[in-house]
Amino acid sequence: MESLANDRRIVQRVLSEYAEIPYFYGDIRNQVVFDTERDHYLVITTGRNWDGLLVHDCSLHIDLINGKFWIQHDATDRPVALELEAAGVPKDLIVLGFREPKIRPYTGYAVA
């Protein structure tokens, strides 16, 4: 249980750091969404761009599943897998869930 609590802290810290990165075009901000009961963690981008168009997007989505960090979506220019590694998460506990299962063995990260 302590390991799960630590994993949750790592994900929350890493995603909170991403959410602090400012946008320089329009009135756009990031929000974190942490579902600690089901272990879903998101960074949502919302606001209006320079043209006044609505922006509402999920830029990051990580799930904790069976002791592994499943990156379900990463639309950033700073790969979150590298940030998880820097936070001490071993590669064999990181799954690139957004990659096809047949490609995962070649990524250097966990298959599932």
Protein backbone atom coordinates (compact mmCIF):
# COMPACT_ATOMS: atom_id res chain seq x y z
CA MET A 1 0.00 0.00 0.00
CA GLU A 2 2.89 2.37 0.73
CA SER A 3 4.17 1.78 -2.80
CA LEU A 4 0.81 2.80 -4.29
CA ALA A 5 0.75 5.93 -2.14
CA ASN A 6 4.25 6.79 -3.36
CA ASP A 7 3.25 6.14 -6.99
CA ARG A 8 0.28 8.48 -6.56
CA ARG A 9 2.52 11.20 -5.13
CA ILE A 10 4.93 10.87 -8.05
CA VAL A 11 2.18 11.12 -10.68
CA GLN A 12 0.54 14.05 -8.93
CA ARG A 13 3.84 15.93 -8.61
CA VAL A 14 4.89 15.34 -12.22
CA LEU A 15 1.50 16.32 -13.66
CA SER A 16 1.27 19.36 -11.39
CA GLU A 17 4.61 20.53 -12.78
CA TYR A 18 3.27 20.18 -16.33
CA ALA A 19 0.13 22.11 -15.38
CA GLU A 20 2.31 25.06 -14.28
CA ILE A 21 3.78 25.54 -17.76
CA PRO A 22 2.19 28.76 -19.07
CA TYR A 23 0.67 29.26 -22.50
CA PHE A 24 1.68 32.40 -24.34
CA TYR A 25 -1.16 32.50 -26.84
CA GLY A 26 -4.63 33.40 -25.72
CA ASP A 27 -6.27 32.87 -22.36
CA ILE A 28 -5.38 29.21 -21.91
CA ARG A 29 -4.61 27.39 -18.68
CA ASN A 30 -4.00 23.86 -17.50
CA GLN A 31 -5.95 22.03 -14.82
CA VAL A 32 -5.05 18.80 -13.06
CA VAL A 33 -7.66 16.13 -12.42
CA PHE A 34 -6.72 13.46 -9.90
CA ASP A 35 -9.05 10.50 -9.30
CA THR A 36 -7.20 8.74 -6.48
CA GLU A 37 -9.95 6.15 -5.97
CA ARG A 38 -9.66 4.77 -9.50
CA ASP A 39 -6.09 6.02 -10.14
CA HIS A 40 -6.73 8.19 -13.21
CA TYR A 41 -4.61 11.35 -13.50
CA LEU A 42 -5.06 14.05 -16.17
CA VAL A 43 -3.91 17.46 -17.28
CA ILE A 44 -6.74 19.28 -19.05
CA THR A 45 -6.09 22.39 -21.16
CA THR A 46 -8.95 24.91 -21.32
CA GLY A 47 -9.61 28.49 -22.40
CA ARG A 48 -9.68 30.54 -25.59
CA ASN A 49 -6.90 30.92 -28.13
CA TRP A 50 -5.85 34.18 -29.84
CA ASP A 51 -8.68 33.81 -32.34
CA GLY A 52 -11.20 33.44 -29.53
CA LEU A 53 -11.81 29.77 -30.30
CA LEU A 54 -12.56 27.45 -27.42
CA VAL A 55 -9.73 25.14 -26.39
CA HIS A 56 -10.61 22.06 -24.35
CA ASP A 57 -8.20 19.17 -24.55
CA CYS A 58 -6.56 16.46 -22.50
CA SER A 59 -2.81 16.96 -22.84
CA LEU A 60 -1.73 14.18 -20.44
CA HIS A 61 -3.42 11.06 -19.08
CA ILE A 62 -1.75 8.53 -16.79
CA ASP A 63 -3.40 5.58 -15.05
CA LEU A 64 -1.88 3.46 -12.29
CA ILE A 65 -2.71 -0.15 -13.16
CA ASN A 66 -1.31 -3.21 -11.36
CA GLY A 67 1.73 -1.36 -10.05
CA LYS A 68 2.60 0.24 -13.39
CA PHE A 69 2.37 3.77 -14.77
CA TRP A 70 0.25 3.58 -17.91
CA ILE A 71 0.70 6.68 -20.07
CA GLN A 72 -2.57 6.68 -22.00
CA HIS A 73 -2.03 10.01 -23.76
CA ASP A 74 0.88 12.45 -24.05
CA ALA A 75 0.37 15.51 -26.27
CA THR A 76 3.32 17.45 -24.86
CA ASP A 77 6.69 18.39 -26.27
CA ARG A 78 8.36 17.09 -23.09
CA PRO A 79 7.68 13.34 -22.94
CA VAL A 80 6.16 12.51 -19.56
CA ALA A 81 7.89 9.09 -19.58
CA LEU A 82 11.23 10.89 -19.24
CA GLU A 83 9.86 12.95 -16.34
CA LEU A 84 8.66 9.78 -14.60
CA GLU A 85 12.12 8.27 -15.04
CA ALA A 86 13.71 11.41 -13.59
CA ALA A 87 11.36 11.05 -10.61
CA GLY A 88 12.77 7.56 -9.98
CA VAL A 89 10.27 5.34 -11.79
CA PRO A 90 12.06 2.42 -13.47
CA LYS A 91 11.44 1.94 -17.20
CA ASP A 92 9.99 -1.52 -16.59
CA LEU A 93 7.13 0.10 -14.64
CA ILE A 94 6.22 2.59 -17.38
CA VAL A 95 3.84 1.47 -20.14
CA LEU A 96 3.33 3.60 -23.23
CA GLY A 97 -0.37 2.76 -23.44
CA PHE A 98 -0.86 5.06 -26.41
CA ARG A 99 1.40 2.80 -28.49
CA GLU A 100 0.10 -0.32 -30.23
CA PRO A 101 0.81 -3.45 -28.13
CA LYS A 102 2.92 -4.94 -30.96
CA ILE A 103 5.18 -1.84 -30.92
CA ARG A 104 5.68 -1.63 -27.15
CA PRO A 105 8.51 -4.23 -26.99
CA TYR A 106 10.65 -1.86 -29.08
CA THR A 107 10.09 1.27 -26.96
CA GLY A 108 12.46 0.43 -24.10
CA TYR A 109 9.55 0.56 -21.66
CA ALA A 110 7.22 -2.07 -20.19
CA VAL A 111 5.00 -4.02 -22.57
CA ALA A 112 2.01 -4.15 -20.21
